[in-house]
Amino acid sequence: MTTRREVLGDAHVDRAVARTTGFTADFQDLITRYAWGEIWNRPGLDRRTRSCVTLTAMVAGGHHDELAMHVRAALRNGLTRDEIKEVLLQTAIYCGVPAANSAFAVAQRVLSEIDERE
């Protein structure tokens, strides 16, 4: 749970835990142990690189809610706004311009929300 909290932030994790039901508990356990325990803690890639890969995967899969969450995580993992922009530009070539267009809209919304809070 430590890595999940470090990458996604306490507020996000607390909301996910609070929404856990008997039906979703096994899934929450699965992603906490495997995604956040096993994969995000492997020594082969640093968190910045994992964030770049994850952003790309979210764009490729059209997972906009998850993309928004991982834009925030990428900032927490040390990526700059310009680096996030470069990742999204890269996705335009390999995932398609419509996918990147949607991703830029999601990222812009997240960045604007962050700016408004600060």
Protein backbone atom coordinates (compact mmCIF):
# COMPACT_ATOMS: atom_id res chain seq x y z
CA MET A 1 0.00 0.00 0.00
CA THR A 2 2.99 2.29 0.56
CA THR A 3 3.93 2.52 -3.11
CA ARG A 4 0.31 2.96 -4.16
CA ARG A 5 0.01 5.87 -1.71
CA GLU A 6 3.34 7.40 -2.81
CA VAL A 7 2.43 7.26 -6.50
CA LEU A 8 -1.31 8.04 -6.40
CA GLY A 9 -1.54 10.05 -3.19
CA ASP A 10 -3.34 9.39 0.05
CA ALA A 11 -6.60 11.03 -1.02
CA HIS A 12 -6.99 8.81 -4.08
CA VAL A 13 -6.14 5.63 -2.20
CA ASP A 14 -8.40 6.56 0.70
CA ARG A 15 -11.30 7.07 -1.73
CA ALA A 16 -10.61 3.71 -3.40
CA VAL A 17 -10.47 1.94 -0.03
CA ALA A 18 -13.66 3.65 1.15
CA ARG A 19 -15.50 2.50 -2.01
CA THR A 20 -14.38 -1.10 -1.56
CA THR A 21 -17.27 -3.52 -1.21
CA GLY A 22 -17.49 -7.24 -0.68
CA PHE A 23 -17.75 -7.52 -4.47
CA THR A 24 -14.64 -5.37 -5.22
CA ALA A 25 -12.43 -6.31 -2.24
CA ASP A 26 -10.61 -9.11 -4.07
CA PHE A 27 -9.87 -6.78 -7.00
CA GLN A 28 -8.53 -4.07 -4.67
CA ASP A 29 -6.33 -6.68 -3.02
CA LEU A 30 -5.11 -7.89 -6.44
CA ILE A 31 -4.08 -4.46 -7.71
CA THR A 32 -2.52 -3.49 -4.40
CA ARG A 33 -0.39 -6.64 -4.22
CA TYR A 34 0.49 -7.09 -7.89
CA ALA A 35 0.39 -3.71 -9.60
CA TRP A 36 1.58 -1.63 -6.67
CA GLY A 37 3.52 -4.27 -4.74
CA GLU A 38 5.17 -6.42 -7.40
CA ILE A 39 5.36 -4.38 -10.61
CA TRP A 40 5.86 -0.79 -9.42
CA ASN A 41 8.56 -1.98 -7.00
CA ARG A 42 10.63 -3.99 -9.46
CA PRO A 43 14.21 -2.69 -9.78
CA GLY A 44 14.36 -2.62 -13.61
CA LEU A 45 12.70 0.77 -14.16
CA ASP A 46 12.50 3.87 -12.03
CA ARG A 47 9.13 5.42 -11.24
CA ARG A 48 9.55 8.20 -13.80
CA THR A 49 10.01 5.63 -16.56
CA ARG A 50 7.13 3.52 -15.25
CA SER A 51 4.95 6.63 -15.39
CA CYS A 52 5.91 7.25 -19.04
CA VAL A 53 5.04 3.67 -19.94
CA THR A 54 1.79 3.83 -17.99
CA LEU A 55 0.71 7.10 -19.61
CA THR A 56 1.31 5.56 -23.02
CA ALA A 57 -0.65 2.43 -22.11
CA MET A 58 -3.58 4.53 -20.87
CA VAL A 59 -3.64 6.51 -24.14
CA ALA A 60 -3.36 3.36 -26.25
CA GLY A 61 -6.20 1.72 -24.38
CA GLY A 62 -8.41 4.82 -24.31
CA HIS A 63 -8.58 4.66 -20.51
CA HIS A 64 -9.22 8.35 -19.86
CA ASP A 65 -10.18 8.11 -16.17
CA GLU A 66 -7.04 6.13 -15.47
CA LEU A 67 -5.03 8.55 -17.64
CA ALA A 68 -6.13 11.48 -15.48
CA MET A 69 -5.07 9.60 -12.36
CA HIS A 70 -1.70 8.74 -13.91
CA VAL A 71 -1.04 12.31 -15.09
CA ARG A 72 -1.22 13.27 -11.41
CA ALA A 73 0.96 10.27 -10.53
CA ALA A 74 3.52 11.21 -13.19
CA LEU A 75 3.89 14.66 -11.64
CA ARG A 76 4.26 13.03 -8.21
CA ASN A 77 6.92 10.74 -9.70
CA GLY A 78 8.95 13.71 -10.91
CA LEU A 79 7.91 14.16 -14.54
CA THR A 80 7.57 17.75 -15.62
CA ARG A 81 4.62 19.07 -17.59
CA ASP A 82 6.90 19.30 -20.62
CA GLU A 83 7.90 15.65 -20.24
CA ILE A 84 4.25 14.62 -20.00
CA LYS A 85 3.59 16.66 -23.14
CA GLU A 86 6.43 14.84 -24.91
CA VAL A 87 5.02 11.45 -23.90
CA LEU A 88 1.63 12.47 -25.29
CA LEU A 89 3.20 13.75 -28.51
CA GLN A 90 4.94 10.38 -28.87
CA THR A 91 1.59 8.65 -28.49
CA ALA A 92 0.21 10.64 -31.43
CA ILE A 93 2.56 8.73 -33.72
CA TYR A 94 2.25 5.27 -32.19
CA CYS A 95 -1.33 5.31 -30.81
CA GLY A 96 -2.95 7.69 -33.27
CA VAL A 97 -3.75 11.36 -33.42
CA PRO A 98 -7.35 10.98 -32.14
CA ALA A 99 -6.10 9.08 -29.07
CA ALA A 100 -3.45 11.73 -28.39
CA ASN A 101 -5.99 14.51 -28.93
CA SER A 102 -8.22 13.00 -26.24
CA ALA A 103 -5.21 12.46 -23.99
CA PHE A 104 -4.13 16.10 -24.30
CA ALA A 105 -7.66 17.18 -23.33
CA VAL A 106 -7.60 14.94 -20.25
CA ALA A 107 -4.10 16.06 -19.25
CA GLN A 108 -4.98 19.74 -19.75
CA ARG A 109 -8.04 19.33 -17.53
CA VAL A 110 -5.94 17.69 -14.79
CA LEU A 111 -3.20 20.32 -15.01
CA SER A 112 -5.78 23.13 -14.90
CA GLU A 113 -7.39 21.59 -11.81
CA ILE A 114 -3.97 21.45 -10.14
CA ASP A 115 -3.27 25.09 -11.08
CA GLU A 116 -6.64 26.18 -9.65
CA ARG A 117 -5.89 24.48 -6.32
CA GLU A 118 -2.45 26.09 -6.05
